[in-house]
Protein backbone atom coordinates (compact mmCIF):
# COMPACT_ATOMS: atom_id res chain seq x y z
CA UNK A 1 2.00 22.90 1.92
CA UNK A 2 0.99 22.10 5.48
CA UNK A 3 2.08 18.83 7.06
CA UNK A 4 -0.26 15.91 7.10
CA UNK A 5 1.34 14.73 10.26
CA UNK A 6 4.43 15.23 12.27
CA UNK A 7 6.21 12.98 14.77
CA UNK A 8 9.13 14.39 16.93
CA UNK A 9 11.31 11.87 18.66
CA UNK A 10 8.37 9.53 19.27
CA UNK A 11 8.93 6.28 21.20
CA UNK A 12 6.08 4.10 22.23
CA UNK A 13 6.27 1.05 24.54
CA UNK A 14 3.75 -1.63 25.57
CA UNK A 15 5.21 -2.78 28.86
CA UNK A 16 8.68 -3.99 28.16
CA UNK A 17 8.11 -4.14 24.39
CA UNK A 18 9.14 -1.00 22.41
CA UNK A 19 6.96 -0.80 19.28
CA UNK A 20 8.47 2.51 17.96
CA UNK A 21 12.01 3.77 18.53
CA UNK A 22 12.73 7.53 18.49
CA UNK A 23 10.77 8.13 15.28
CA UNK A 24 10.85 11.70 13.66
CA UNK A 25 8.81 12.29 10.53
CA UNK A 26 7.17 15.16 8.69
CA UNK A 27 4.81 13.96 5.99
CA UNK A 28 3.09 16.27 3.46
CA UNK A 29 -0.39 15.77 1.84
CA UNK A 30 -0.93 13.09 -0.69
CA UNK A 31 -1.12 9.22 -0.94
CA UNK A 32 1.34 7.62 1.45
CA UNK A 33 2.06 4.01 1.94
CA UNK A 34 3.06 2.50 5.27
CA UNK A 35 5.08 -0.53 4.63
CA UNK A 36 6.54 -3.12 7.05
CA UNK A 37 6.31 -6.66 8.20
CA UNK A 38 4.03 -7.69 11.07
CA UNK A 39 5.37 -6.11 14.25
CA UNK A 40 7.13 -3.38 12.38
CA UNK A 41 4.97 -0.71 14.15
CA UNK A 42 2.56 0.15 11.41
CA UNK A 43 -0.64 -0.18 13.64
CA UNK A 44 0.99 1.65 16.49
CA UNK A 45 1.75 4.56 14.20
CA UNK A 46 -1.75 4.76 12.92
CA UNK A 47 -3.11 4.65 16.56
CA UNK A 48 -0.80 7.51 17.51
CA UNK A 49 -1.99 9.53 14.60
CA UNK A 50 -5.67 8.97 15.62
CA UNK A 51 -4.97 9.83 19.23
CA UNK A 52 -6.13 6.27 20.35
CA UNK A 53 -2.84 6.01 22.26
CA UNK A 54 -0.48 8.63 23.48
CA UNK A 55 3.29 8.27 22.91
CA UNK A 56 5.55 7.05 25.72
CA UNK A 57 7.87 9.89 24.73
CA UNK A 58 7.83 12.52 22.02
CA UNK A 59 5.12 14.53 20.23
CA UNK A 60 2.56 13.79 17.53
CA UNK A 61 0.51 16.22 15.38
CA UNK A 62 -1.97 15.15 12.84
CA UNK A 63 -3.42 17.89 10.48
CA UNK A 64 -1.66 20.46 12.78
CA UNK A 65 -3.65 19.11 15.87
CA UNK A 66 -2.48 17.12 18.70
CA UNK A 67 -4.86 14.06 18.51
CA UNK A 68 -7.28 14.28 21.39
CA UNK A 69 -7.47 18.15 21.44
CA UNK A 70 -10.52 19.69 19.84
CA UNK A 71 -11.94 16.22 19.58
CA UNK A 72 -15.06 16.94 17.47
CA UNK A 73 -13.11 19.03 14.89
CA UNK A 74 -10.48 16.34 14.68
CA UNK A 75 -12.96 13.53 14.15
CA UNK A 76 -14.47 15.46 11.38
CA UNK A 77 -11.20 15.77 9.56
CA UNK A 78 -9.95 12.12 9.81
CA UNK A 79 -11.52 8.90 8.52
CA UNK A 80 -10.27 5.47 9.74
CA UNK A 81 -10.88 1.96 8.32
CA UNK A 82 -9.67 -0.53 10.90
CA UNK A 83 -8.23 -3.96 9.97
CA UNK A 84 -10.56 -5.69 12.49
CA UNK A 85 -14.17 -6.09 11.65
CA UNK A 86 -15.32 -3.31 14.02
CA UNK A 87 -19.05 -3.66 12.95
CA UNK A 88 -22.03 -3.46 15.31
CA UNK A 89 -24.26 -6.56 14.99
CA UNK A 90 -28.01 -5.67 14.72
CA UNK A 91 -27.48 -2.51 12.82
CA UNK A 92 -28.42 -2.24 9.24
CA UNK A 93 -25.79 -1.01 6.75
CA UNK A 94 -27.36 2.44 6.40
CA UNK A 95 -27.60 2.82 10.19
CA UNK A 96 -24.08 1.84 10.78
CA UNK A 97 -22.66 4.35 8.16
CA UNK A 98 -25.03 7.13 9.33
CA UNK A 99 -23.90 6.42 13.00
CA UNK A 100 -20.28 6.90 11.91
CA UNK A 101 -21.24 10.30 10.33
CA UNK A 102 -23.04 11.34 13.57
CA UNK A 103 -19.93 10.36 15.64
CA UNK A 104 -17.87 12.53 13.28
CA UNK A 105 -19.87 15.55 14.15
CA UNK A 106 -22.44 15.58 11.37
CA UNK A 107 -26.01 16.63 11.89
CA UNK A 108 -28.43 13.83 11.73
CA UNK A 109 -30.02 14.58 8.45
CA UNK A 110 -26.70 15.27 6.73
CA UNK A 111 -25.36 12.05 8.10
CA UNK A 112 -28.34 10.13 6.86
CA UNK A 113 -28.07 11.73 3.37
CA UNK A 114 -24.30 11.16 3.10
CA UNK A 115 -24.66 7.50 4.26
CA UNK A 116 -26.97 6.80 1.29
CA UNK A 117 -24.65 8.57 -1.12
CA UNK A 118 -21.61 6.81 0.12
CA UNK A 119 -23.22 3.38 -0.04
CA UNK A 120 -24.31 4.04 -3.54
CA UNK A 121 -20.81 5.10 -4.46
CA UNK A 122 -19.28 1.93 -3.11
CA UNK A 123 -21.95 -0.40 -4.71
CA UNK A 124 -23.86 -1.29 -1.50
CA UNK A 125 -27.18 0.39 -2.42
CA UNK A 126 -29.10 -2.89 -2.66
CA UNK A 127 -27.87 -4.10 0.74
CA UNK A 128 -28.34 -0.86 2.65
CA UNK A 129 -31.22 -2.24 4.82
CA UNK A 130 -29.56 -5.67 5.43
CA UNK A 131 -28.14 -6.33 8.98
CA UNK A 132 -24.39 -5.98 8.82
CA UNK A 133 -23.66 -9.42 10.29
CA UNK A 134 -25.20 -10.85 7.04
CA UNK A 135 -22.79 -9.11 4.83
CA UNK A 136 -20.09 -11.05 2.93
CA UNK A 137 -16.39 -10.39 3.58
CA UNK A 138 -16.09 -8.07 0.60
CA UNK A 139 -19.27 -6.16 1.54
CA UNK A 140 -18.07 -5.72 5.06
CA UNK A 141 -14.83 -4.23 3.84
CA UNK A 142 -16.70 -1.80 1.60
CA UNK A 143 -19.03 -0.99 4.50
CA UNK A 144 -16.13 -0.13 6.82
CA UNK A 145 -14.77 2.06 3.98
CA UNK A 146 -18.09 3.83 3.76
CA UNK A 147 -18.09 4.57 7.46
CA UNK A 148 -14.59 6.04 7.15
CA UNK A 149 -15.65 8.13 4.12
CA UNK A 150 -19.18 9.31 5.07
CA UNK A 151 -18.11 12.68 6.56
CA UNK A 152 -15.70 13.45 3.63
CA UNK A 153 -12.46 13.60 5.71
CA UNK A 154 -9.27 15.38 4.72
CA UNK A 155 -7.19 12.38 5.84
CA UNK A 156 -8.16 8.76 5.32
CA UNK A 157 -6.22 6.09 7.34
CA UNK A 158 -6.60 2.55 5.95
CA UNK A 159 -5.31 -0.50 7.80
CA UNK A 160 -5.13 -3.54 5.54
CA UNK A 161 -8.14 -2.53 3.43
CA UNK A 162 -7.90 -5.60 1.03
CA UNK A 163 -7.54 -8.22 3.85
CA UNK A 164 -9.52 -11.35 3.14
CA UNK A 165 -10.78 -10.29 -0.26
CA UNK A 166 -10.76 -12.62 -3.29
CA UNK A 167 -8.96 -11.42 -6.42
CA UNK A 168 -12.07 -9.73 -7.94
CA UNK A 169 -12.98 -8.06 -4.67
CA UNK A 170 -9.27 -6.85 -4.24
CA UNK A 171 -9.22 -5.41 -7.69
CA UNK A 172 -12.50 -3.54 -7.15
CA UNK A 173 -11.30 -2.15 -3.77
CA UNK A 174 -7.97 -0.99 -5.25
CA UNK A 175 -9.95 0.74 -8.07
CA UNK A 176 -11.92 2.70 -5.44
CA UNK A 177 -8.80 3.53 -3.44
CA UNK A 178 -6.96 4.80 -6.57
CA UNK A 179 -9.90 7.17 -7.19
CA UNK A 180 -9.89 8.32 -3.60
CA UNK A 181 -6.12 8.83 -3.69
CA UNK A 182 -6.44 11.04 -6.78
CA UNK A 183 -8.88 13.52 -5.17
CA UNK A 184 -7.48 17.10 -5.04
CA UNK A 185 -6.91 18.35 -1.37
CA UNK A 186 -7.40 14.98 0.18
CA UNK A 187 -4.91 12.62 1.67
CA UNK A 188 -4.73 8.89 2.26
CA UNK A 189 -2.39 6.64 4.30
CA UNK A 190 -2.43 2.96 3.31
CA UNK A 191 -0.94 0.49 5.68
CA UNK A 192 -0.63 -3.02 4.28
CA UNK A 193 1.74 -5.94 3.95
CA UNK A 194 0.71 -6.24 0.21
CA UNK A 195 3.38 -4.07 -1.34
CA UNK A 196 1.77 -4.20 -4.78
CA UNK A 197 -1.21 -2.44 -3.34
CA UNK A 198 1.10 0.45 -2.16
CA UNK A 199 2.65 0.54 -5.67
CA UNK A 200 -0.75 0.87 -7.27
CA UNK A 201 -2.10 3.55 -4.96
CA UNK A 202 0.63 5.59 -3.43
CA UNK A 203 3.14 8.12 -4.60
CA UNK A 204 5.27 7.96 -1.44
CA UNK A 205 6.00 5.37 1.32
CA UNK A 206 7.27 5.09 4.79
CA UNK A 207 9.38 1.88 5.33
CA UNK A 208 9.34 0.63 8.94
CA UNK A 209 11.41 -2.24 10.29
CA UNK A 210 11.15 -3.37 14.00
CA UNK A 211 9.92 0.00 15.17
CA UNK A 212 12.35 2.18 13.16
CA UNK A 213 11.91 4.21 10.04
CA UNK A 214 14.43 2.98 7.56
CA UNK A 215 13.32 5.26 4.64
CA UNK A 216 10.65 7.66 3.69
CA UNK A 217 9.93 9.50 0.44
CA UNK A 218 8.81 9.18 -3.21
CA UNK A 219 8.70 5.53 -4.31
CA UNK A 220 10.12 6.16 -7.82
CA UNK A 221 13.61 7.44 -6.89
CA UNK A 222 13.93 4.55 -4.26
CA UNK A 223 14.00 2.04 -7.14
CA UNK A 224 17.29 1.05 -8.72
CA UNK A 225 18.02 -1.16 -11.58
CA UNK A 226 18.03 -4.85 -10.35
CA UNK A 227 21.63 -5.98 -10.30
CA UNK A 228 22.22 -8.17 -13.33
CA UNK A 229 18.52 -8.47 -14.31
CA UNK A 230 17.42 -7.90 -17.83
CA UNK A 231 14.17 -8.34 -19.86
CA UNK A 232 14.88 -9.94 -23.20
CA UNK A 233 12.60 -9.89 -26.31
CA UNK A 234 13.22 -11.53 -29.57
CA UNK A 235 11.73 -12.75 -32.91
CA UNK A 236 11.91 -16.38 -33.98
CA UNK A 237 12.72 -19.58 -32.32
CA UNK A 238 15.04 -18.78 -29.39
CA UNK A 239 15.37 -22.29 -27.79
CA UNK A 240 19.03 -22.56 -29.07
CA UNK A 241 19.88 -18.97 -27.74
CA UNK A 242 18.32 -19.59 -24.33
CA UNK A 243 20.07 -22.98 -23.98
CA UNK A 244 23.38 -21.23 -24.83
CA UNK A 245 22.83 -18.58 -22.32
CA UNK A 246 22.15 -21.21 -19.62
CA UNK A 247 25.35 -22.96 -20.62
CA UNK A 248 27.21 -19.73 -19.99
CA UNK A 249 25.88 -19.47 -16.33
CA UNK A 250 22.90 -17.15 -17.13
CA UNK A 251 19.67 -17.59 -15.21
CA UNK A 252 16.73 -17.77 -17.63
CA UNK A 253 13.20 -17.34 -16.28
CA UNK A 254 10.38 -17.86 -18.71
CA UNK A 255 7.67 -15.17 -19.19
CA UNK A 256 4.04 -15.67 -19.86
CA UNK A 257 4.47 -13.48 -22.97
CA UNK A 258 5.85 -15.12 -26.15
CA UNK A 259 9.15 -14.00 -27.39
CA UNK A 260 10.26 -12.65 -23.94
CA UNK A 261 12.24 -13.86 -20.87
CA UNK A 262 13.81 -12.48 -17.73
CA UNK A 263 17.51 -13.25 -17.34
CA UNK A 264 19.91 -12.72 -14.49
CA UNK A 265 23.57 -12.64 -15.43
CA UNK A 266 26.87 -12.95 -13.50
CA UNK A 267 29.24 -10.09 -12.73
CA UNK A 268 31.48 -10.75 -15.77
CA UNK A 269 28.66 -10.54 -18.28
CA UNK A 270 28.35 -7.58 -20.62
CA UNK A 271 25.25 -6.62 -22.63
CA UNK A 272 27.13 -7.31 -25.95
CA UNK A 273 27.28 -10.95 -24.86
CA UNK A 274 23.57 -11.18 -25.40
CA UNK A 275 23.92 -10.07 -29.05
CA UNK A 276 26.72 -12.54 -29.57
CA UNK A 277 24.60 -15.37 -28.23
CA UNK A 278 21.61 -14.26 -30.45
CA UNK A 279 23.93 -14.17 -33.58
CA UNK A 280 25.24 -17.68 -32.90
CA UNK A 281 21.53 -18.97 -32.73
CA UNK A 282 20.30 -16.87 -35.71
CA UNK A 283 17.87 -14.97 -33.50
CA UNK A 284 16.99 -11.25 -33.83
CA UNK A 285 16.93 -9.46 -30.41
CA UNK A 286 14.25 -6.77 -30.35
CA UNK A 287 14.64 -5.63 -26.80
CA UNK A 288 17.11 -5.57 -24.03
CA UNK A 289 16.04 -3.71 -20.87
CA UNK A 290 17.54 -3.48 -17.40
CA UNK A 291 14.83 -4.37 -14.95
CA UNK A 292 13.82 -2.04 -12.19
CA UNK A 293 13.26 -3.19 -8.67
CA UNK A 294 9.66 -3.56 -7.51
CA UNK A 295 8.64 -2.33 -4.09
CA UNK A 296 9.32 -5.73 -2.34
CA UNK A 297 12.91 -5.63 -3.76
CA UNK A 298 13.29 -2.04 -2.51
CA UNK A 299 12.05 -3.03 1.00
CA UNK A 300 14.23 -6.13 1.25
CA UNK A 301 17.33 -4.08 0.22
CA UNK A 302 16.44 -1.30 2.80
CA UNK A 303 16.13 -3.80 5.66
CA UNK A 304 19.19 -5.74 4.57
CA UNK A 305 17.51 -8.94 3.30
CA UNK A 306 18.86 -10.51 0.18
CA UNK A 307 17.06 -10.09 -3.09
CA UNK A 308 14.57 -12.76 -4.24
CA UNK A 309 16.22 -15.35 -6.41
CA UNK A 310 14.51 -15.30 -9.80
CA UNK A 311 12.21 -12.53 -8.50
CA UNK A 312 10.52 -9.76 -10.26
CA UNK A 313 6.92 -9.18 -10.99
CA UNK A 314 6.79 -11.22 -14.08
CA UNK A 315 9.49 -13.76 -13.16
């Protein structure tokens, strides 16, 4: 399978500030998350892949091209949704998306047709003829996505696509991105600080910290069982059992689900101790599962930051 992009010994500086340090990567096609705190180098990496900036040192290839060479062909293969608003006041939605198609090398009639189709796909058909400055935040995000999609690119680069969205708008955007990520023969790079978005959309991730790549690869194998964390399930009144666990130094974190709790035990605790506590309280345990790390736990471990106390997705 051909590489989606390649970086060989890439360093990039802005004056005295080094944004990326000697990064070497080969990434294959698929859905890739780009994970890191603010200042980790995510936006710099995306700008290098697009050819918007050239590396201070090293070499970059995107879809087997050096960005900037064969510009028309390259623009037709890559779509970019910027974090910033990047809209042109005075243009109607349909005009803005059609213009993006034209800039990507599409003939005028094709760009116009595809603009209508893409706006329908993203639920903006009724606002196509409205000036873009009058769109809501959620509509603007979908409009930017339409402009990135209009020419059906092989690679879609998304920089914080759910930024500023309310919960319903974020859920709707993630549904669209999940569908886009599943398209055969197409690839997607999602750059975001919302790690749950990466877990929902992506199969693999690049973890950046202060300009360095600390890990890259499939997300699943990066997870380990959280040290000392379990998910307990039971039948009956477990108040006595949970009180007994607390008396023995076990952290108990209530769940929104009845008959369930997340617990964190100390190093001398053994799983059989749960069953002993349950017998003492006349409670029937129906489930005892080691809890896996979520992506935030993985990231914190990789960059050497301590695990969240009482963390976990349902804690």
